[in-house]
C-alpha atoms as a PDB file:
ATOM      1  CA  MET A   1       2.166   9.688  -4.203  1.00  0.00           C
ATOM      2  CA  LYS A   2      -1.336  11.287  -4.117  1.00  0.00           C
ATOM      3  CA  ARG A   3      -0.897  14.801  -2.952  1.00  0.00           C
ATOM      4  CA  GLY A   4      -3.691  14.125  -0.418  1.00  0.00           C
ATOM      5  CA  LEU A   5      -1.310  12.046   1.529  1.00  0.00           C
ATOM      6  CA  ILE A   6       0.758  15.155   2.037  1.00  0.00           C
ATOM      7  CA  GLY A   7      -2.463  17.472   2.803  1.00  0.00           C
ATOM      8  CA  LEU A   8      -3.097  19.254   5.877  1.00  0.00           C
ATOM      9  CA  MET A   9      -2.008  16.220   7.919  1.00  0.00           C
ATOM     10  CA  ALA A  10       1.611  17.615   7.509  1.00  0.00           C
ATOM     11  CA  ILE A  11       0.684  20.664   9.458  1.00  0.00           C
ATOM     12  CA  GLY A  12       0.161  18.344  12.544  1.00  0.00           C
ATOM     13  CA  ILE A  13       3.652  16.445  12.106  1.00  0.00           C
ATOM     14  CA  SER A  14       5.585  16.569  15.535  1.00  0.00           C
ATOM     15  CA  LEU A  15       9.078  17.587  15.948  1.00  0.00           C
ATOM     16  CA  GLY A  16       9.916  14.073  16.716  1.00  0.00           C
ATOM     17  CA  GLU A  17       8.593  12.981  13.317  1.00  0.00           C
ATOM     18  CA  MET A  18      10.804  15.502  11.660  1.00  0.00           C
ATOM     19  CA  GLY A  19      13.831  13.787  13.247  1.00  0.00           C
ATOM     20  CA  CYS A  20      12.999  10.650  11.282  1.00  0.00           C
ATOM     21  CA  GLU A  21      13.637   9.762   7.691  1.00  0.00           C
ATOM     22  CA  SER A  22      10.647  10.514   5.449  1.00  0.00           C
ATOM     23  CA  GLN A  23       8.714   7.552   4.423  1.00  0.00           C
ATOM     24  CA  ARG A  24       7.483   8.619   0.930  1.00  0.00           C
ATOM     25  CA  SER A  25       4.854   5.878   0.770  1.00  0.00           C
ATOM     26  CA  SER A  26       1.012   5.449   1.269  1.00  0.00           C
ATOM     27  CA  SER A  27       1.533   5.687   5.042  1.00  0.00           C
ATOM     28  CA  ALA A  28       2.232   8.637   7.031  1.00  0.00           C
ATOM     29  CA  PRO A  29       5.830   9.564   8.018  1.00  0.00           C
ATOM     30  CA  ALA A  30       7.420   7.297  10.688  1.00  0.00           C
ATOM     31  CA  SER A  31       7.619   8.938  14.201  1.00  0.00           C
ATOM     32  CA  VAL A  32       9.696   8.786  17.120  1.00  0.00           C
ATOM     33  CA  SER A  33       9.062  10.111  20.718  1.00  0.00           C
ATOM     34  CA  PRO A  34       8.395  13.884  20.442  1.00  0.00           C
ATOM     35  CA  ALA A  35      10.346  16.228  22.794  1.00  0.00           C
ATOM     36  CA  VAL A  36       8.622  16.321  26.029  1.00  0.00           C
ATOM     37  CA  SER A  37       9.151  19.408  28.329  1.00  0.00           C
ATOM     38  CA  THR A  38       8.740  19.647  31.909  1.00  0.00           C
ATOM     39  CA  SER A  39       8.567  23.375  31.863  1.00  0.00           C
ATOM     40  CA  LYS A  40       5.354  24.776  33.224  1.00  0.00           C
ATOM     41  CA  GLU A  41       5.395  27.710  30.951  1.00  0.00           C
ATOM     42  CA  GLU A  42       5.267  27.302  27.228  1.00  0.00           C
ATOM     43  CA  VAL A  43       7.239  29.873  25.017  1.00  0.00           C
ATOM     44  CA  THR A  44       5.097  31.843  22.831  1.00  0.00           C
ATOM     45  CA  ILE A  45       5.545  30.618  19.172  1.00  0.00           C
ATOM     46  CA  GLU A  46       3.973  33.273  17.414  1.00  0.00           C
ATOM     47  CA  PRO A  47       5.525  34.195  13.859  1.00  0.00           C
ATOM     48  CA  VAL A  48       8.835  35.680  14.235  1.00  0.00           C
ATOM     49  CA  ASN A  49       7.704  38.304  11.678  1.00  0.00           C
ATOM     50  CA  PRO A  50       4.041  39.146  11.630  1.00  0.00           C
ATOM     51  CA  GLY A  51       3.264  41.146   8.856  1.00  0.00           C
ATOM     52  CA  LEU A  52       6.796  42.277   8.449  1.00  0.00           C
ATOM     53  CA  SER A  53       9.135  42.148   5.615  1.00  0.00           C
ATOM     54  CA  SER A  54      12.065  39.941   6.015  1.00  0.00           C
ATOM     55  CA  GLU A  55      14.442  43.094   6.545  1.00  0.00           C
ATOM     56  CA  GLU A  56      11.951  44.415   9.247  1.00  0.00           C
ATOM     57  CA  ALA A  57      11.774  40.826  10.795  1.00  0.00           C
ATOM     58  CA  ILE A  58      15.634  40.666  11.006  1.00  0.00           C
ATOM     59  CA  GLN A  59      15.577  44.039  12.718  1.00  0.00           C
ATOM     60  CA  GLN A  60      13.100  43.066  15.096  1.00  0.00           C
ATOM     61  CA  ILE A  61      15.284  39.640  15.946  1.00  0.00           C
ATOM     62  CA  LYS A  62      18.306  41.757  16.394  1.00  0.00           C
ATOM     63  CA  ASN A  63      16.601  44.523  18.576  1.00  0.00           C
ATOM     64  CA  GLY A  64      14.474  42.384  20.591  1.00  0.00           C
ATOM     65  CA  PRO A  65      15.480  40.648  23.722  1.00  0.00           C
ATOM     66  CA  PHE A  66      17.111  37.217  23.338  1.00  0.00           C
ATOM     67  CA  SER A  67      16.634  34.100  25.626  1.00  0.00           C
ATOM     68  CA  ASP A  68      17.937  30.698  25.152  1.00  0.00           C
ATOM     69  CA  THR A  69      14.591  28.994  25.475  1.00  0.00           C
ATOM     70  CA  ALA A  70      12.875  31.418  23.104  1.00  0.00           C
ATOM     71  CA  PHE A  71      15.582  30.790  20.468  1.00  0.00           C
ATOM     72  CA  VAL A  72      14.936  27.111  20.982  1.00  0.00           C
ATOM     73  CA  ALA A  73      11.337  27.206  20.372  1.00  0.00           C
ATOM     74  CA  LYS A  74      11.700  29.680  17.280  1.00  0.00           C
ATOM     75  CA  ALA A  75      14.371  27.587  15.847  1.00  0.00           C
ATOM     76  CA  ALA A  76      12.448  24.220  16.331  1.00  0.00           C
ATOM     77  CA  GLU A  77       9.390  25.841  14.695  1.00  0.00           C
ATOM     78  CA  MET A  78      11.150  27.139  11.770  1.00  0.00           C
ATOM     79  CA  GLY A  79      13.172  23.892  11.143  1.00  0.00           C
ATOM     80  CA  MET A  80       9.957  21.849  11.327  1.00  0.00           C
ATOM     81  CA  ALA A  81       8.180  24.221   9.051  1.00  0.00           C
ATOM     82  CA  GLU A  82      11.220  23.820   6.430  1.00  0.00           C
ATOM     83  CA  VAL A  83      10.535  20.286   6.239  1.00  0.00           C
ATOM     84  CA  GLU A  84       6.953  20.513   5.804  1.00  0.00           C
ATOM     85  CA  LEU A  85       7.047  22.945   3.032  1.00  0.00           C
ATOM     86  CA  SER A  86       9.861  21.181   1.290  1.00  0.00           C
ATOM     87  CA  LEU A  87       7.751  17.902   1.220  1.00  0.00           C
ATOM     88  CA  LEU A  88       5.372  19.943  -1.050  1.00  0.00           C
ATOM     89  CA  ALA A  89       8.261  20.995  -3.176  1.00  0.00           C
ATOM     90  CA  GLU A  90       9.557  17.422  -3.625  1.00  0.00           C
ATOM     91  CA  ASP A  91       5.860  16.516  -4.731  1.00  0.00           C
ATOM     92  CA  GLN A  92       4.793  19.697  -6.711  1.00  0.00           C
ATOM     93  CA  ALA A  93       7.730  21.359  -7.960  1.00  0.00           C
ATOM     94  CA  VAL A  94       8.349  21.569 -11.746  1.00  0.00           C
ATOM     95  CA  ASP A  95      11.772  22.481 -11.859  1.00  0.00           C
ATOM     96  CA  PRO A  96      14.144  19.825 -11.236  1.00  0.00           C
ATOM     97  CA  ALA A  97      16.378  22.184  -9.204  1.00  0.00           C
ATOM     98  CA  VAL A  98      13.445  23.204  -6.963  1.00  0.00           C
ATOM     99  CA  LYS A  99      12.591  19.646  -6.523  1.00  0.00           C
ATOM    100  CA  ASP A 100      16.261  18.708  -5.526  1.00  0.00           C
ATOM    101  CA  TYR A 101      16.457  21.674  -3.168  1.00  0.00           C
ATOM    102  CA  GLY A 102      13.166  20.442  -1.324  1.00  0.00           C
ATOM    103  CA  VAL A 103      14.581  17.169  -0.960  1.00  0.00           C
ATOM    104  CA  GLU A 104      17.840  18.628   0.331  1.00  0.00           C
ATOM    105  CA  MET A 105      16.153  20.548   2.830  1.00  0.00           C
ATOM    106  CA  GLN A 106      14.247  17.731   4.197  1.00  0.00           C
ATOM    107  CA  ALA A 107      17.498  15.962   4.889  1.00  0.00           C
ATOM    108  CA  GLU A 108      19.388  19.046   6.169  1.00  0.00           C
ATOM    109  CA  HIS A 109      16.463  20.326   8.456  1.00  0.00           C
ATOM    110  CA  ARG A 110      15.760  16.883   9.764  1.00  0.00           C
ATOM    111  CA  ARG A 111      19.369  16.517  10.744  1.00  0.00           C
ATOM    112  CA  ALA A 112      19.535  19.807  12.596  1.00  0.00           C
ATOM    113  CA  ASN A 113      15.916  19.419  14.130  1.00  0.00           C
ATOM    114  CA  SER A 114      17.148  16.038  15.389  1.00  0.00           C
ATOM    115  CA  ILE A 115      20.130  17.474  17.289  1.00  0.00           C
ATOM    116  CA  LEU A 116      17.977  20.239  18.705  1.00  0.00           C
ATOM    117  CA  ILE A 117      15.302  17.822  19.982  1.00  0.00           C
ATOM    118  CA  ASN A 118      17.958  15.620  21.752  1.00  0.00           C
ATOM    119  CA  LEU A 119      19.439  18.845  23.450  1.00  0.00           C
ATOM    120  CA  SER A 120      16.031  20.052  24.190  1.00  0.00           C
ATOM    121  CA  ASN A 121      15.049  16.871  25.994  1.00  0.00           C
ATOM    122  CA  GLU A 122      18.364  16.802  27.963  1.00  0.00           C
ATOM    123  CA  LYS A 123      17.722  20.297  29.052  1.00  0.00           C
ATOM    124  CA  LYS A 124      14.098  19.993  29.616  1.00  0.00           C
ATOM    125  CA  TRP A 125      13.509  22.933  27.054  1.00  0.00           C
ATOM    126  CA  TYR A 126       9.974  23.483  25.584  1.00  0.00           C
ATOM    127  CA  THR A 127       9.705  22.624  21.930  1.00  0.00           C
ATOM    128  CA  PRO A 128       6.609  23.178  19.854  1.00  0.00           C
ATOM    129  CA  LYS A 129       4.881  20.211  18.252  1.00  0.00           C
ATOM    130  CA  ASN A 130       3.097  22.254  15.396  1.00  0.00           C
ATOM    131  CA  VAL A 131       4.186  24.934  13.031  1.00  0.00           C
ATOM    132  CA  ASN A 132       2.984  28.401  13.853  1.00  0.00           C
ATOM    133  CA  ALA A 133       0.142  30.264  11.930  1.00  0.00           C
ATOM    134  CA  GLU A 134       2.233  31.913   9.638  1.00  0.00           C
ATOM    135  CA  HIS A 135       3.766  28.758   8.286  1.00  0.00           C
ATOM    136  CA  LYS A 136       0.470  26.961   8.277  1.00  0.00           C
ATOM    137  CA  ASP A 137      -0.916  29.749   6.034  1.00  0.00           C
ATOM    138  CA  ALA A 138       2.265  29.355   3.630  1.00  0.00           C
ATOM    139  CA  TYR A 139       1.812  25.567   3.622  1.00  0.00           C
ATOM    140  CA  ALA A 140      -2.001  26.114   2.701  1.00  0.00           C
ATOM    141  CA  ASN A 141      -1.106  28.633   0.118  1.00  0.00           C
ATOM    142  CA  LEU A 142       1.348  26.506  -1.517  1.00  0.00           C
ATOM    143  CA  LEU A 143      -0.660  23.408  -1.574  1.00  0.00           C
ATOM    144  CA  GLN A 144      -3.131  25.282  -3.724  1.00  0.00           C
ATOM    145  CA  ILE A 145      -0.432  26.282  -6.327  1.00  0.00           C
ATOM    146  CA  ARG A 146       0.773  24.308  -9.214  1.00  0.00           C
ATOM    147  CA  SER A 147       3.087  24.668 -12.420  1.00  0.00           C
ATOM    148  CA  ASP A 148       6.218  27.223 -12.291  1.00  0.00           C
ATOM    149  CA  LYS A 149       4.104  29.478 -10.005  1.00  0.00           C
ATOM    150  CA  PHE A 150       4.550  26.962  -7.142  1.00  0.00           C
ATOM    151  CA  ASP A 151       8.477  26.795  -7.826  1.00  0.00           C
ATOM    152  CA  ARG A 152       8.700  30.786  -7.596  1.00  0.00           C
ATOM    153  CA  ARG A 153       6.453  30.770  -4.376  1.00  0.00           C
ATOM    154  CA  TYR A 154       8.341  28.155  -2.614  1.00  0.00           C
ATOM    155  CA  MET A 155      11.668  29.737  -3.362  1.00  0.00           C
ATOM    156  CA  GLU A 156      10.400  33.037  -2.221  1.00  0.00           C
ATOM    157  CA  GLN A 157       9.538  31.448   1.100  1.00  0.00           C
ATOM    158  CA  MET A 158      12.773  29.721   1.428  1.00  0.00           C
ATOM    159  CA  ILE A 159      14.809  32.803   0.713  1.00  0.00           C
ATOM    160  CA  ARG A 160      12.678  34.649   3.335  1.00  0.00           C
ATOM    161  CA  ASP A 161      12.739  32.005   6.010  1.00  0.00           C
ATOM    162  CA  HIS A 162      16.494  31.395   5.619  1.00  0.00           C
ATOM    163  CA  GLU A 163      17.124  35.104   5.714  1.00  0.00           C
ATOM    164  CA  ILE A 164      15.451  35.213   9.058  1.00  0.00           C
ATOM    165  CA  ALA A 165      16.950  31.940  10.227  1.00  0.00           C
ATOM    166  CA  VAL A 166      20.334  33.183   9.726  1.00  0.00           C
ATOM    167  CA  ALA A 167      19.828  36.289  11.585  1.00  0.00           C
ATOM    168  CA  LEU A 168      18.120  34.390  14.430  1.00  0.00           C
ATOM    169  CA  PHE A 169      21.180  31.868  14.629  1.00  0.00           C
ATOM    170  CA  GLY A 170      23.527  34.835  14.510  1.00  0.00           C
ATOM    171  CA  GLU A 171      21.860  36.253  17.705  1.00  0.00           C
ATOM    172  CA  ALA A 172      22.104  32.874  19.270  1.00  0.00           C
ATOM    173  CA  ILE A 173      25.831  32.794  18.623  1.00  0.00           C
ATOM    174  CA  LYS A 174      26.468  36.126  20.306  1.00  0.00           C
ATOM    175  CA  ASN A 175      23.890  35.725  23.109  1.00  0.00           C
ATOM    176  CA  ALA A 176      23.147  32.333  24.001  1.00  0.00           C
ATOM    177  CA  THR A 177      24.056  31.489  27.668  1.00  0.00           C
ATOM    178  CA  ASP A 178      24.045  27.701  27.341  1.00  0.00           C
ATOM    179  CA  PRO A 179      27.425  26.587  26.055  1.00  0.00           C
ATOM    180  CA  GLU A 180      25.827  23.569  24.215  1.00  0.00           C
ATOM    181  CA  LEU A 181      23.212  25.818  22.587  1.00  0.00           C
ATOM    182  CA  ARG A 182      25.686  28.108  21.528  1.00  0.00           C
ATOM    183  CA  ARG A 183      27.714  25.397  20.065  1.00  0.00           C
ATOM    184  CA  TYR A 184      24.679  24.171  18.009  1.00  0.00           C
ATOM    185  CA  ALA A 185      24.097  27.563  16.701  1.00  0.00           C
ATOM    186  CA  ILE A 186      27.700  27.857  15.660  1.00  0.00           C
ATOM    187  CA  GLN A 187      27.651  24.514  13.811  1.00  0.00           C
ATOM    188  CA  THR A 188      24.107  24.960  12.175  1.00  0.00           C
ATOM    189  CA  GLU A 189      24.400  28.408  11.039  1.00  0.00           C
ATOM    190  CA  PRO A 190      26.888  27.896   8.062  1.00  0.00           C
ATOM    191  CA  SER A 191      24.451  25.394   6.682  1.00  0.00           C
ATOM    192  CA  LEU A 192      21.573  27.975   6.777  1.00  0.00           C
ATOM    193  CA  ARG A 193      23.743  30.377   4.978  1.00  0.00           C
ATOM    194  CA  ASP A 194      24.512  27.751   2.339  1.00  0.00           C
ATOM    195  CA  HIS A 195      20.795  27.101   2.100  1.00  0.00           C
ATOM    196  CA  LEU A 196      20.215  30.758   1.451  1.00  0.00           C
ATOM    197  CA  THR A 197      22.829  31.142  -1.194  1.00  0.00           C
ATOM    198  CA  LYS A 198      21.402  28.152  -3.168  1.00  0.00           C
ATOM    199  CA  ALA A 199      17.778  29.566  -2.677  1.00  0.00           C
ATOM    200  CA  ARG A 200      18.865  32.794  -4.191  1.00  0.00           C
ATOM    201  CA  ALA A 201      20.756  31.117  -6.965  1.00  0.00           C
ATOM    202  CA  ILE A 202      17.727  28.982  -8.033  1.00  0.00           C
ATOM    203  CA  MET A 203      15.410  31.979  -7.822  1.00  0.00           C
ATOM    204  CA  LYS A 204      17.988  33.831 -10.325  1.00  0.00           C
ATOM    205  CA  ASN A 205      17.726  30.858 -12.666  1.00  0.00           C
ATOM    206  CA  LEU A 206      13.912  30.917 -12.480  1.00  0.00           C
ATOM    207  CA  ASP A 207      13.869  34.608 -13.316  1.00  0.00           C
ATOM    208  CA  ALA A 208      16.144  33.910 -16.239  1.00  0.00           C
ATOM    209  CA  LYS A 209      13.781  31.428 -17.545  1.00  0.00           C
ATOM    210  CA  LYS A 210      10.721  33.507 -16.970  1.00  0.00           C
END
């Protein structure tokens, strides 16, 4: 595949598209109808961690106010970002373990995103159609990196994102008021922990090879 096909077009991929199987061909990914919100007020989808370390971002999540709608928007954006970044990993990673991890992340997060989209449509919750500025920057930066430097930078991003995601879903498990949303968080959080464990193990192996 030519890398230009992934390019910055992936930044505009909708959540509906994230719910489909990826078409790794010369055409853009197949799409389904995106989540539609009848809410008059969109939820702010600024970075969860603007300029913060992952530890500081986690504290921000734990200490801040929780709402079901804000969680849905953040979880949807982060899941969409994981798919987009992992498309790059499948295309650009050098280490087979990193490439395989990228493929796994696409499948796992598409599945979780699809469930969240369906729930959001049912509940009339707002879900973003694009990734936030932070993840756009991460995508643009990764797009320019080649060789083993890409592998390390991608895995660093995966560790960071999944540390934050685990904290975010942990708060939903404790604080979500909608029972179906809480059930979604309970069912999804173990997979996120598994993704984090695998990301840390891959990074350890990359460090050993350095």
